[in-house]
Amino acid sequence: MPIVDVVNLKNETVGQIELPDLIYNVEMRPHLVHEVVTAQLNSRRAGTACTKTRAEVAFSNRKPYRQKGTGRARAGTRRSPVWRHGGIIFGPKPRDFSSRPPAQVRRAALKVVLTSKLAEKQLVILDSFDLAEAKTKHFAQSLKGLGLQKAIVVTPAENEKLERSSRNIPDCKVLRVAGLNCYDLLKHTHLVILKDSLAGIEERLMK
């Protein structure tokens, strides 16, 4: 089991903790991470692109000109996709792009990302993250004391002060254990896990 230092907001080591191999020391399988992140990004797509077919274009059904004698190609309607402003052939229609990989795949991908963060020394275990009040300035100063900038903080449950304090910092985010996901972990350089959150992560990923 990997042993990791537990630090405080002053970046001082206050203890050590063992992390389970089944979560933080698994085989690297990047294809699982790719599958899960792709599914997450697809689920965010609006899917609202829409074009009109020849049946939906606002033109009359009158024949543009007579069948013979003009020297032009035959034409039965101005709605034809061949004509300018006519209907669109096989154009996009509103659709749902979302997909959801199996729970086992999502858990395995999350383990791979956590293992990667630990291996690259981008994982920080924090004993506590208590703020006197919900202010962006205090949150930013705390991260600066840890020597971090682009970081994601994982809390065991709802923490209104931390969540409100981090809203105006574009490169930082506060997530609860239940919302931990591959995309956010990869988007942020460092991962800060509160010590109390470790039990929740184990419970979620050791099913």
N, C-alpha and C. Protein backbone atom coordinates (compact mmCIF):
# COMPACT_ATOMS: atom_id res chain seq x y z
N MET A 1 0.83 -1.20 0.00
CA MET A 1 0.00 0.00 0.00
C MET A 1 0.87 1.26 0.00
N PRO A 2 0.57 2.24 -0.89
CA PRO A 2 1.34 3.48 -0.88
C PRO A 2 1.06 4.29 0.39
N ILE A 3 2.11 4.85 0.94
CA ILE A 3 1.99 5.68 2.13
C ILE A 3 2.16 7.14 1.71
N VAL A 4 1.21 7.98 2.09
CA VAL A 4 1.19 9.37 1.67
C VAL A 4 1.17 10.27 2.90
N ASP A 5 1.88 11.39 2.81
CA ASP A 5 1.87 12.37 3.91
C ASP A 5 0.54 13.11 3.97
N VAL A 6 0.12 13.40 5.17
CA VAL A 6 -1.07 14.24 5.40
C VAL A 6 -0.57 15.62 5.82
N VAL A 7 -1.02 16.66 5.11
CA VAL A 7 -0.53 18.01 5.40
C VAL A 7 -1.68 18.90 5.86
N ASN A 8 -1.29 20.06 6.43
CA ASN A 8 -2.29 21.06 6.81
C ASN A 8 -2.24 22.21 5.82
N LEU A 9 -3.00 23.26 6.08
CA LEU A 9 -3.07 24.39 5.15
C LEU A 9 -1.76 25.17 5.06
N LYS A 10 -0.88 24.95 6.01
CA LYS A 10 0.43 25.60 5.96
C LYS A 10 1.47 24.73 5.24
N ASN A 11 0.98 23.64 4.67
CA ASN A 11 1.82 22.69 3.95
C ASN A 11 2.83 22.00 4.87
N GLU A 12 2.43 21.80 6.11
CA GLU A 12 3.26 21.10 7.09
C GLU A 12 2.75 19.68 7.24
N THR A 13 3.64 18.71 7.28
CA THR A 13 3.25 17.31 7.44
C THR A 13 2.78 17.06 8.87
N VAL A 14 1.56 16.57 8.98
CA VAL A 14 0.99 16.32 10.31
C VAL A 14 0.74 14.83 10.54
N GLY A 15 1.08 14.00 9.56
CA GLY A 15 0.88 12.56 9.72
C GLY A 15 1.04 11.85 8.39
N GLN A 16 0.78 10.55 8.43
CA GLN A 16 0.84 9.72 7.22
C GLN A 16 -0.37 8.80 7.18
N ILE A 17 -0.69 8.36 5.97
CA ILE A 17 -1.84 7.48 5.82
C ILE A 17 -1.57 6.49 4.69
N GLU A 18 -2.09 5.28 4.85
CA GLU A 18 -1.95 4.25 3.82
C GLU A 18 -3.16 4.28 2.89
N LEU A 19 -2.88 4.23 1.61
CA LEU A 19 -3.95 4.23 0.61
C LEU A 19 -4.06 2.83 0.01
N PRO A 20 -5.27 2.34 -0.20
CA PRO A 20 -5.44 0.96 -0.71
C PRO A 20 -4.94 0.80 -2.14
N ASP A 21 -4.26 -0.32 -2.39
CA ASP A 21 -3.74 -0.60 -3.73
C ASP A 21 -4.85 -0.76 -4.76
N LEU A 22 -6.01 -1.23 -4.34
CA LEU A 22 -7.10 -1.48 -5.28
C LEU A 22 -7.67 -0.20 -5.88
N ILE A 23 -7.29 0.95 -5.31
CA ILE A 23 -7.78 2.23 -5.82
C ILE A 23 -6.64 3.10 -6.35
N TYR A 24 -5.54 3.13 -5.61
CA TYR A 24 -4.47 4.08 -5.93
C TYR A 24 -3.21 3.40 -6.52
N ASN A 25 -3.33 2.12 -6.84
CA ASN A 25 -2.19 1.44 -7.43
C ASN A 25 -2.68 0.34 -8.38
N VAL A 26 -3.45 0.77 -9.39
CA VAL A 26 -4.03 -0.18 -10.32
C VAL A 26 -3.29 -0.12 -11.65
N GLU A 27 -3.59 -1.07 -12.51
CA GLU A 27 -2.97 -1.11 -13.84
C GLU A 27 -3.47 0.06 -14.68
N MET A 28 -2.55 0.69 -15.43
CA MET A 28 -2.91 1.80 -16.29
C MET A 28 -3.69 1.28 -17.51
N ARG A 29 -4.94 1.69 -17.62
CA ARG A 29 -5.77 1.32 -18.77
C ARG A 29 -6.40 2.58 -19.35
N PRO A 30 -5.63 3.32 -20.15
CA PRO A 30 -6.11 4.62 -20.65
C PRO A 30 -7.35 4.53 -21.53
N HIS A 31 -7.58 3.38 -22.15
CA HIS A 31 -8.76 3.26 -23.01
C HIS A 31 -10.05 3.39 -22.21
N LEU A 32 -10.03 2.96 -20.95
CA LEU A 32 -11.22 3.12 -20.10
C LEU A 32 -11.47 4.59 -19.80
N VAL A 33 -10.39 5.31 -19.51
CA VAL A 33 -10.52 6.74 -19.23
C VAL A 33 -11.05 7.47 -20.46
N HIS A 34 -10.54 7.10 -21.62
CA HIS A 34 -11.01 7.72 -22.87
C HIS A 34 -12.49 7.47 -23.08
N GLU A 35 -12.93 6.25 -22.83
CA GLU A 35 -14.34 5.91 -23.02
C GLU A 35 -15.24 6.72 -22.09
N VAL A 36 -14.84 6.84 -20.83
CA VAL A 36 -15.66 7.54 -19.85
C VAL A 36 -15.68 9.05 -20.12
N VAL A 37 -14.51 9.64 -20.40
CA VAL A 37 -14.45 11.08 -20.66
C VAL A 37 -15.22 11.43 -21.93
N THR A 38 -15.10 10.61 -22.96
CA THR A 38 -15.85 10.85 -24.20
C THR A 38 -17.35 10.82 -23.93
N ALA A 39 -17.79 9.87 -23.11
CA ALA A 39 -19.21 9.79 -22.76
C ALA A 39 -19.66 11.03 -21.99
N GLN A 40 -18.80 11.52 -21.08
CA GLN A 40 -19.14 12.73 -20.32
C GLN A 40 -19.29 13.94 -21.25
N LEU A 41 -18.35 14.10 -22.17
CA LEU A 41 -18.41 15.24 -23.08
C LEU A 41 -19.59 15.13 -24.05
N ASN A 42 -19.89 13.92 -24.49
CA ASN A 42 -21.04 13.74 -25.37
C ASN A 42 -22.34 14.07 -24.67
N SER A 43 -22.41 13.76 -23.38
CA SER A 43 -23.63 14.03 -22.62
C SER A 43 -23.86 15.52 -22.43
N ARG A 44 -22.80 16.33 -22.58
CA ARG A 44 -22.94 17.77 -22.44
C ARG A 44 -23.40 18.45 -23.73
N ARG A 45 -23.39 17.73 -24.83
CA ARG A 45 -23.78 18.31 -26.11
C ARG A 45 -25.27 18.63 -26.12
N ALA A 46 -25.61 19.80 -26.65
CA ALA A 46 -27.01 20.20 -26.68
C ALA A 46 -27.82 19.36 -27.65
N GLY A 47 -27.23 19.01 -28.78
CA GLY A 47 -27.94 18.21 -29.77
C GLY A 47 -29.13 18.93 -30.37
N THR A 48 -29.04 20.27 -30.53
CA THR A 48 -30.17 21.05 -31.02
C THR A 48 -30.03 21.46 -32.49
N ALA A 49 -28.95 21.05 -33.16
CA ALA A 49 -28.79 21.40 -34.58
C ALA A 49 -29.95 20.84 -35.39
N CYS A 50 -30.51 21.68 -36.27
CA CYS A 50 -31.70 21.25 -37.02
C CYS A 50 -31.72 21.93 -38.39
N THR A 51 -31.98 21.16 -39.43
CA THR A 51 -32.15 21.70 -40.77
C THR A 51 -33.52 21.26 -41.30
N LYS A 52 -33.97 21.96 -42.36
CA LYS A 52 -35.28 21.65 -42.93
C LYS A 52 -35.15 20.73 -44.14
N THR A 53 -36.00 19.74 -44.19
CA THR A 53 -36.05 18.86 -45.35
C THR A 53 -36.89 19.53 -46.43
N ARG A 54 -36.99 18.90 -47.58
CA ARG A 54 -37.78 19.49 -48.67
C ARG A 54 -39.26 19.58 -48.31
N ALA A 55 -39.70 18.79 -47.36
CA ALA A 55 -41.10 18.86 -46.94
C ALA A 55 -41.36 20.02 -46.00
N GLU A 56 -40.30 20.60 -45.43
CA GLU A 56 -40.45 21.65 -44.43
C GLU A 56 -40.10 23.05 -44.94
N VAL A 57 -39.47 23.13 -46.12
CA VAL A 57 -39.08 24.43 -46.66
C VAL A 57 -40.33 25.22 -47.06
N ALA A 58 -40.31 26.53 -46.81
CA ALA A 58 -41.49 27.38 -47.04
C ALA A 58 -41.56 27.84 -48.50
N PHE A 59 -41.92 26.96 -49.40
CA PHE A 59 -42.18 27.30 -50.79
C PHE A 59 -43.50 26.66 -51.19
N SER A 60 -44.12 27.23 -52.23
CA SER A 60 -45.36 26.64 -52.72
C SER A 60 -45.05 25.37 -53.50
N ASN A 61 -46.09 24.64 -53.80
CA ASN A 61 -45.93 23.40 -54.57
C ASN A 61 -46.09 23.62 -56.07
N ARG A 62 -46.17 24.88 -56.49
CA ARG A 62 -46.37 25.17 -57.91
C ARG A 62 -45.14 24.78 -58.72
N LYS A 63 -45.36 24.26 -59.88
CA LYS A 63 -44.25 23.90 -60.76
C LYS A 63 -43.58 25.19 -61.24
N PRO A 64 -42.25 25.32 -61.11
CA PRO A 64 -41.58 26.58 -61.42
C PRO A 64 -41.77 27.04 -62.87
N TYR A 65 -41.70 26.11 -63.82
CA TYR A 65 -41.90 26.44 -65.24
C TYR A 65 -42.36 25.17 -65.94
N ARG A 66 -42.76 25.34 -67.20
CA ARG A 66 -43.35 24.21 -67.91
C ARG A 66 -42.32 23.10 -68.13
N GLN A 67 -42.84 21.92 -68.37
CA GLN A 67 -41.98 20.74 -68.45
C GLN A 67 -41.03 20.79 -69.64
N LYS A 68 -41.55 21.22 -70.81
CA LYS A 68 -40.75 21.15 -72.04
C LYS A 68 -40.63 22.53 -72.69
N GLY A 69 -39.63 22.66 -73.52
CA GLY A 69 -39.50 23.84 -74.35
C GLY A 69 -38.64 24.96 -73.78
N THR A 70 -38.15 24.83 -72.57
CA THR A 70 -37.34 25.91 -71.99
C THR A 70 -35.84 25.68 -72.17
N GLY A 71 -35.44 24.45 -72.47
CA GLY A 71 -34.03 24.13 -72.59
C GLY A 71 -33.38 23.86 -71.24
N ARG A 72 -34.14 23.97 -70.18
CA ARG A 72 -33.59 23.74 -68.84
C ARG A 72 -33.97 22.34 -68.35
N ALA A 73 -33.33 21.94 -67.31
CA ALA A 73 -33.65 20.63 -66.74
C ALA A 73 -35.06 20.64 -66.18
N ARG A 74 -35.68 19.49 -66.14
CA ARG A 74 -37.03 19.38 -65.59
C ARG A 74 -37.03 19.76 -64.11
N ALA A 75 -38.04 20.46 -63.68
CA ALA A 75 -38.17 20.86 -62.26
C ALA A 75 -39.63 20.81 -61.87
N GLY A 76 -39.92 20.14 -60.77
CA GLY A 76 -41.30 20.02 -60.32
C GLY A 76 -41.63 20.90 -59.13
N THR A 77 -40.57 21.36 -58.39
CA THR A 77 -40.82 22.18 -57.20
C THR A 77 -39.56 22.95 -56.83
N ARG A 78 -39.74 24.10 -56.23
CA ARG A 78 -38.60 24.90 -55.76
C ARG A 78 -38.03 24.34 -54.46
N ARG A 79 -38.70 23.38 -53.89
CA ARG A 79 -38.23 22.78 -52.63
C ARG A 79 -37.09 21.79 -52.86
N SER A 80 -36.79 21.48 -54.12
CA SER A 80 -35.78 20.47 -54.41
C SER A 80 -34.43 20.81 -53.78
N PRO A 81 -33.77 19.84 -53.20
CA PRO A 81 -32.44 20.07 -52.60
C PRO A 81 -31.40 20.55 -53.61
N VAL A 82 -31.68 20.33 -54.91
CA VAL A 82 -30.76 20.77 -55.95
C VAL A 82 -30.80 22.29 -56.10
N TRP A 83 -31.92 22.88 -55.78
CA TRP A 83 -32.09 24.32 -55.95
C TRP A 83 -31.57 25.09 -54.73
N ARG A 84 -31.19 26.32 -55.00
CA ARG A 84 -30.77 27.22 -53.93
C ARG A 84 -31.95 27.48 -53.00
N HIS A 85 -31.69 27.46 -51.71
CA HIS A 85 -32.70 27.63 -50.66
C HIS A 85 -33.67 26.45 -50.60
N GLY A 86 -33.32 25.36 -51.28
CA GLY A 86 -34.17 24.18 -51.20
C GLY A 86 -33.94 23.40 -49.91
N GLY A 87 -34.57 22.25 -49.81
CA GLY A 87 -34.41 21.43 -48.61
C GLY A 87 -33.00 20.85 -48.50
N ILE A 88 -32.68 20.38 -47.30
CA ILE A 88 -31.37 19.79 -47.03
C ILE A 88 -31.50 18.27 -47.02
N ILE A 89 -30.57 17.60 -47.71
CA ILE A 89 -30.58 16.14 -47.75
C ILE A 89 -29.78 15.60 -46.57
N PHE A 90 -30.35 14.74 -45.78
CA PHE A 90 -29.67 14.10 -44.65
C PHE A 90 -29.02 15.12 -43.70
N GLY A 91 -29.67 16.24 -43.49
CA GLY A 91 -29.14 17.25 -42.57
C GLY A 91 -29.34 16.85 -41.13
N PRO A 92 -28.67 17.55 -40.20
CA PRO A 92 -28.80 17.22 -38.78
C PRO A 92 -30.19 17.52 -38.24
N LYS A 93 -30.63 16.70 -37.33
CA LYS A 93 -31.89 16.88 -36.62
C LYS A 93 -31.63 16.78 -35.12
N PRO A 94 -32.47 17.38 -34.29
CA PRO A 94 -32.25 17.28 -32.83
C PRO A 94 -32.12 15.83 -32.39
N ARG A 95 -31.08 15.56 -31.60
CA ARG A 95 -30.85 14.19 -31.14
C ARG A 95 -30.14 14.22 -29.80
N ASP A 96 -30.17 13.09 -29.14
CA ASP A 96 -29.53 12.94 -27.83
C ASP A 96 -28.20 12.21 -28.02
N PHE A 97 -27.09 12.90 -27.69
CA PHE A 97 -25.77 12.32 -27.86
C PHE A 97 -25.29 11.57 -26.61
N SER A 98 -26.05 11.67 -25.53
CA SER A 98 -25.57 11.15 -24.25
C SER A 98 -25.44 9.63 -24.27
N SER A 99 -24.47 9.15 -23.52
CA SER A 99 -24.27 7.71 -23.33
C SER A 99 -23.75 7.51 -21.91
N ARG A 100 -23.91 6.33 -21.40
CA ARG A 100 -23.52 6.05 -20.03
C ARG A 100 -22.83 4.69 -19.97
N PRO A 101 -21.49 4.70 -19.84
CA PRO A 101 -20.78 3.42 -19.72
C PRO A 101 -21.22 2.67 -18.47
N PRO A 102 -21.01 1.37 -18.42
CA PRO A 102 -21.38 0.59 -17.23
C PRO A 102 -20.69 1.12 -15.97
N ALA A 103 -21.32 0.92 -14.84
CA ALA A 103 -20.78 1.42 -13.56
C ALA A 103 -19.40 0.84 -13.29
N GLN A 104 -19.18 -0.42 -13.66
CA GLN A 104 -17.89 -1.05 -13.43
C GLN A 104 -16.79 -0.35 -14.23
N VAL A 105 -17.11 0.08 -15.45
CA VAL A 105 -16.14 0.78 -16.28
C VAL A 105 -15.86 2.17 -15.70
N ARG A 106 -16.89 2.85 -15.24
CA ARG A 106 -16.71 4.19 -14.66
C ARG A 106 -15.84 4.13 -13.42
N ARG A 107 -16.07 3.12 -12.59
CA ARG A 107 -15.26 2.99 -11.37
C ARG A 107 -13.80 2.65 -11.73
N ALA A 108 -13.62 1.77 -12.69
CA ALA A 108 -12.26 1.37 -13.08
C ALA A 108 -11.50 2.57 -13.66
N ALA A 109 -12.17 3.39 -14.46
CA ALA A 109 -11.52 4.56 -15.05
C ALA A 109 -11.13 5.56 -13.97
N LEU A 110 -11.99 5.74 -12.98
CA LEU A 110 -11.69 6.66 -11.89
C LEU A 110 -10.48 6.18 -11.09
N LYS A 111 -10.38 4.88 -10.90
CA LYS A 111 -9.21 4.32 -10.20
C LYS A 111 -7.92 4.59 -10.98
N VAL A 112 -8.00 4.48 -12.30
CA VAL A 112 -6.82 4.73 -13.15
C VAL A 112 -6.37 6.18 -13.00
N VAL A 113 -7.32 7.11 -13.00
CA VAL A 113 -6.97 8.52 -12.87
C VAL A 113 -6.38 8.82 -11.49
N LEU A 114 -6.95 8.24 -10.45
CA LEU A 114 -6.42 8.45 -9.10
C LEU A 114 -5.01 7.87 -8.97
N THR A 115 -4.80 6.71 -9.56
CA THR A 115 -3.45 6.12 -9.56
C THR A 115 -2.46 7.01 -10.28
N SER A 116 -2.90 7.59 -11.40
CA SER A 116 -2.04 8.48 -12.17
C SER A 116 -1.68 9.73 -11.38
N LYS A 117 -2.67 10.30 -10.68
CA LYS A 117 -2.40 11.50 -9.88
C LYS A 117 -1.38 11.21 -8.78
N LEU A 118 -1.50 10.05 -8.15
CA LEU A 118 -0.56 9.68 -7.10
C LEU A 118 0.84 9.44 -7.68
N ALA A 119 0.92 8.75 -8.81
CA ALA A 119 2.21 8.44 -9.42
C ALA A 119 2.93 9.71 -9.87
N GLU A 120 2.18 10.71 -10.30
CA GLU A 120 2.78 11.95 -10.79
C GLU A 120 2.95 12.99 -9.67
N LYS A 121 2.70 12.56 -8.43
CA LYS A 121 2.84 13.43 -7.26
C LYS A 121 1.96 14.67 -7.35
N GLN A 122 0.76 14.46 -7.85
CA GLN A 122 -0.21 15.55 -7.96
C GLN A 122 -1.39 15.33 -7.02
N LEU A 123 -1.22 14.41 -6.07
CA LEU A 123 -2.26 14.11 -5.09
C LEU A 123 -1.84 14.63 -3.72
N VAL A 124 -2.71 15.43 -3.11
CA VAL A 124 -2.43 16.00 -1.79
C VAL A 124 -3.54 15.57 -0.83
N ILE A 125 -3.14 15.01 0.30
CA ILE A 125 -4.10 14.65 1.35
C ILE A 125 -4.07 15.75 2.41
N LEU A 126 -5.20 16.40 2.61
CA LEU A 126 -5.28 17.54 3.53
C LEU A 126 -6.07 17.13 4.77
N ASP A 127 -5.54 17.48 5.95
CA ASP A 127 -6.23 17.06 7.18
C ASP A 127 -7.57 17.77 7.34
N SER A 128 -7.66 19.05 6.99
CA SER A 128 -8.92 19.79 7.06
C SER A 128 -8.79 21.06 6.24
N PHE A 129 -9.93 21.61 5.85
CA PHE A 129 -9.94 22.85 5.06
C PHE A 129 -11.04 23.73 5.64
N ASP A 130 -10.73 24.37 6.74
CA ASP A 130 -11.72 25.19 7.43
C ASP A 130 -11.48 26.66 7.13
N LEU A 131 -12.52 27.34 6.68
CA LEU A 131 -12.45 28.77 6.42
C LEU A 131 -13.31 29.52 7.42
N ALA A 132 -12.82 30.68 7.87
CA ALA A 132 -13.59 31.48 8.83
C ALA A 132 -14.89 31.97 8.21
N GLU A 133 -14.84 32.32 6.93
CA GLU A 133 -16.03 32.76 6.21
C GLU A 133 -15.87 32.44 4.73
N ALA A 134 -16.97 32.46 4.02
CA ALA A 134 -16.95 32.13 2.60
C ALA A 134 -16.46 33.31 1.79
N LYS A 135 -15.16 33.36 1.55
CA LYS A 135 -14.58 34.43 0.75
C LYS A 135 -13.56 33.85 -0.22
N THR A 136 -13.61 34.34 -1.45
CA THR A 136 -12.68 33.86 -2.47
C THR A 136 -11.24 34.12 -2.07
N LYS A 137 -11.00 35.26 -1.44
CA LYS A 137 -9.64 35.64 -1.04
C LYS A 137 -9.05 34.61 -0.09
N HIS A 138 -9.83 34.17 0.89
CA HIS A 138 -9.34 33.20 1.86
C HIS A 138 -9.05 31.86 1.20
N PHE A 139 -9.92 31.46 0.27
CA PHE A 139 -9.72 30.19 -0.42
C PHE A 139 -8.45 30.24 -1.26
N ALA A 140 -8.25 31.34 -1.99
CA ALA A 140 -7.07 31.49 -2.83
C ALA A 140 -5.79 31.50 -2.00
N GLN A 141 -5.83 32.17 -0.85
CA GLN A 141 -4.65 32.21 0.02
C GLN A 141 -4.31 30.83 0.56
N SER A 142 -5.33 30.04 0.87
CA SER A 142 -5.10 28.69 1.38
C SER A 142 -4.42 27.82 0.32
N LEU A 143 -4.89 27.92 -0.93
CA LEU A 143 -4.26 27.14 -2.00
C LEU A 143 -2.83 27.62 -2.27
N LYS A 144 -2.64 28.93 -2.15
CA LYS A 144 -1.30 29.47 -2.35
C LYS A 144 -0.34 28.94 -1.28
N GLY A 145 -0.84 28.79 -0.05
CA GLY A 145 -0.02 28.24 1.02
C GLY A 145 0.38 26.81 0.76
N LEU A 146 -0.45 26.08 0.00
CA LEU A 146 -0.13 24.70 -0.37
C LEU A 146 0.73 24.63 -1.63
N GLY A 147 0.96 25.79 -2.24
CA GLY A 147 1.74 25.81 -3.47
C GLY A 147 0.98 25.30 -4.67
N LEU A 148 -0.36 25.46 -4.66
CA LEU A 148 -1.20 24.95 -5.74
C LEU A 148 -1.93 26.10 -6.43
N GLN A 149 -2.24 25.89 -7.71
CA GLN A 149 -3.02 26.87 -8.45
C GLN A 149 -4.24 26.21 -9.10
N LYS A 150 -3.96 25.35 -10.08
CA LYS A 150 -5.05 24.68 -10.78
C LYS A 150 -5.36 23.38 -10.05
N ALA A 151 -6.33 23.44 -9.13
CA ALA A 151 -6.56 22.29 -8.25
C ALA A 151 -8.06 22.03 -8.09
N ILE A 152 -8.36 20.79 -7.75
CA ILE A 152 -9.72 20.38 -7.43
C ILE A 152 -9.71 19.83 -6.01
N VAL A 153 -10.67 20.26 -5.20
CA VAL A 153 -10.75 19.87 -3.80
C VAL A 153 -11.95 18.95 -3.61
N VAL A 154 -11.71 17.81 -2.98
CA VAL A 154 -12.78 16.81 -2.78
C VAL A 154 -13.19 16.82 -1.31
N THR A 155 -14.47 17.08 -1.07
CA THR A 155 -15.01 17.13 0.29
C THR A 155 -15.92 15.92 0.53
N PRO A 156 -16.06 15.47 1.78
CA PRO A 156 -16.90 14.30 2.04
C PRO A 156 -18.38 14.55 1.82
N ALA A 157 -18.82 15.78 2.03
CA ALA A 157 -20.24 16.12 1.87
C ALA A 157 -20.33 17.60 1.48
N GLU A 158 -21.52 18.14 1.52
CA GLU A 158 -21.71 19.55 1.17
C GLU A 158 -20.93 20.45 2.11
N ASN A 159 -20.18 21.37 1.54
CA ASN A 159 -19.43 22.35 2.32
C ASN A 159 -19.67 23.71 1.67
N GLU A 160 -20.67 24.40 2.17
CA GLU A 160 -21.12 25.64 1.54
C GLU A 160 -20.02 26.70 1.48
N LYS A 161 -19.24 26.81 2.52
CA LYS A 161 -18.19 27.83 2.54
C LYS A 161 -17.15 27.59 1.44
N LEU A 162 -16.70 26.35 1.33
CA LEU A 162 -15.70 26.04 0.31
C LEU A 162 -16.28 26.19 -1.10
N GLU A 163 -17.49 25.71 -1.30
CA GLU A 163 -18.10 25.76 -2.62
C GLU A 163 -18.35 27.19 -3.07
N ARG A 164 -18.81 28.04 -2.16
CA ARG A 164 -19.05 29.43 -2.51
C ARG A 164 -17.73 30.19 -2.70
N SER A 165 -16.73 29.85 -1.91
CA SER A 165 -15.45 30.55 -1.99
C SER A 165 -14.70 30.24 -3.27
N SER A 166 -14.96 29.09 -3.87
CA SER A 166 -14.20 28.67 -5.06
C SER A 166 -14.87 29.05 -6.37
N ARG A 167 -16.08 29.59 -6.31
CA ARG A 167 -16.84 29.85 -7.55
C ARG A 167 -16.15 30.81 -8.50
N ASN A 168 -15.50 31.83 -7.97
CA ASN A 168 -14.92 32.87 -8.82
C ASN A 168 -13.48 32.59 -9.22
N ILE A 169 -12.98 31.42 -8.90
CA ILE A 169 -11.62 31.05 -9.30
C ILE A 169 -11.72 30.07 -10.46
N PRO A 170 -11.36 30.50 -11.67
CA PRO A 170 -11.62 29.67 -12.87
C PRO A 170 -10.89 28.33 -12.88
N ASP A 171 -9.69 28.26 -12.28
CA ASP A 171 -8.89 27.05 -12.35
C ASP A 171 -9.05 26.14 -11.13
N CYS A 172 -10.02 26.43 -10.29
CA CYS A 172 -10.22 25.63 -9.07
C CYS A 172 -11.68 25.20 -8.97
N LYS A 173 -11.89 24.08 -8.32
CA LYS A 173 -13.24 23.56 -8.18
C LYS A 173 -13.34 22.73 -6.91
N VAL A 174 -14.49 22.78 -6.27
CA VAL A 174 -14.76 21.96 -5.09
C VAL A 174 -15.83 20.94 -5.45
N LEU A 175 -15.50 19.66 -5.24
CA LEU A 175 -16.41 18.56 -5.57
C LEU A 175 -16.67 17.71 -4.34
N ARG A 176 -17.87 17.20 -4.23
CA ARG A 176 -18.16 16.22 -3.19
C ARG A 176 -17.75 14.84 -3.70
N VAL A 177 -17.60 13.90 -2.79
CA VAL A 177 -17.20 12.54 -3.16
C VAL A 177 -18.17 11.95 -4.18
N ALA A 178 -19.45 12.24 -4.01
CA ALA A 178 -20.45 11.68 -4.92
C ALA A 178 -20.30 12.22 -6.34
N GLY A 179 -19.69 13.40 -6.50
CA GLY A 179 -19.55 14.00 -7.81
C GLY A 179 -18.19 13.82 -8.44
N LEU A 180 -17.34 13.01 -7.84
CA LEU A 180 -15.99 12.79 -8.36
C LEU A 180 -16.07 12.14 -9.74
N ASN A 181 -15.37 12.71 -10.71
CA ASN A 181 -15.44 12.17 -12.07
C ASN A 181 -14.11 12.36 -12.79
N CYS A 182 -13.91 11.60 -13.86
CA CYS A 182 -12.63 11.57 -14.58
C CYS A 182 -12.34 12.90 -15.27
N TYR A 183 -13.35 13.49 -15.89
CA TYR A 183 -13.11 14.71 -16.67
C TYR A 183 -12.57 15.84 -15.80
N ASP A 184 -13.20 16.08 -14.66
CA ASP A 184 -12.74 17.16 -13.78
C ASP A 184 -11.36 16.87 -13.21
N LEU A 185 -11.08 15.62 -12.90
CA LEU A 185 -9.76 15.26 -12.36
C LEU A 185 -8.67 15.51 -13.39
N LEU A 186 -8.94 15.20 -14.64
CA LEU A 186 -7.94 15.40 -15.69
C LEU A 186 -7.81 16.88 -16.07
N LYS A 187 -8.88 17.61 -15.93
CA LYS A 187 -8.86 19.04 -16.30
C LYS A 187 -8.01 19.85 -15.34
N HIS A 188 -7.97 19.44 -14.06
CA HIS A 188 -7.20 20.16 -13.05
C HIS A 188 -5.89 19.43 -12.77
N THR A 189 -4.85 20.21 -12.58
CA THR A 189 -3.52 19.62 -12.41
C THR A 189 -3.41 18.84 -11.11
N HIS A 190 -3.79 19.45 -10.00
CA HIS A 190 -3.63 18.83 -8.68
C HIS A 190 -4.97 18.40 -8.10
N LEU A 191 -4.91 17.34 -7.33
CA LEU A 191 -6.09 16.81 -6.64
C LEU A 191 -5.86 16.89 -5.14
N VAL A 192 -6.72 17.63 -4.47
CA VAL A 192 -6.64 17.79 -3.01
C VAL A 192 -7.81 17.03 -2.40
N ILE A 193 -7.49 16.02 -1.61
CA ILE A 193 -8.53 15.21 -0.98
C ILE A 193 -8.50 15.46 0.52
N LEU A 194 -9.63 15.88 1.07
CA LEU A 194 -9.70 16.02 2.51
C LEU A 194 -9.63 14.63 3.15
N LYS A 195 -8.96 14.52 4.26
CA LYS A 195 -8.75 13.23 4.90
C LYS A 195 -10.07 12.52 5.18
N ASP A 196 -11.10 13.28 5.53
CA ASP A 196 -12.41 12.68 5.82
C ASP A 196 -13.08 12.14 4.56
N SER A 197 -12.60 12.53 3.39
CA SER A 197 -13.22 12.08 2.14
C SER A 197 -12.73 10.72 1.70
N LEU A 198 -11.60 10.26 2.24
CA LEU A 198 -11.01 9.00 1.79
C LEU A 198 -11.94 7.82 2.01
N ALA A 199 -12.62 7.82 3.15
CA ALA A 199 -13.53 6.71 3.44
C ALA A 199 -14.67 6.67 2.43
N GLY A 200 -15.19 7.84 2.05
CA GLY A 200 -16.27 7.90 1.07
C GLY A 200 -15.82 7.43 -0.30
N ILE A 201 -14.59 7.78 -0.68
CA ILE A 201 -14.06 7.34 -1.98
C ILE A 201 -13.90 5.82 -2.00
N GLU A 202 -13.39 5.26 -0.90
CA GLU A 202 -13.24 3.80 -0.82
C GLU A 202 -14.59 3.10 -0.89
N GLU A 203 -15.56 3.65 -0.19
CA GLU A 203 -16.90 3.04 -0.20
C GLU A 203 -17.50 3.06 -1.59
N ARG A 204 -17.25 4.15 -2.31
CA ARG A 204 -17.83 4.28 -3.66
C ARG A 204 -17.13 3.40 -4.69
N LEU A 205 -15.81 3.25 -4.58
CA LEU A 205 -15.05 2.54 -5.60
C LEU A 205 -14.75 1.08 -5.29
N MET A 206 -15.02 0.64 -4.07
CA MET A 206 -14.71 -0.74 -3.70
C MET A 206 -15.93 -1.65 -3.79
N LYS A 207 -16.97 -1.20 -4.50
CA LYS A 207 -18.18 -2.01 -4.62
C LYS A 207 -17.90 -3.25 -5.47
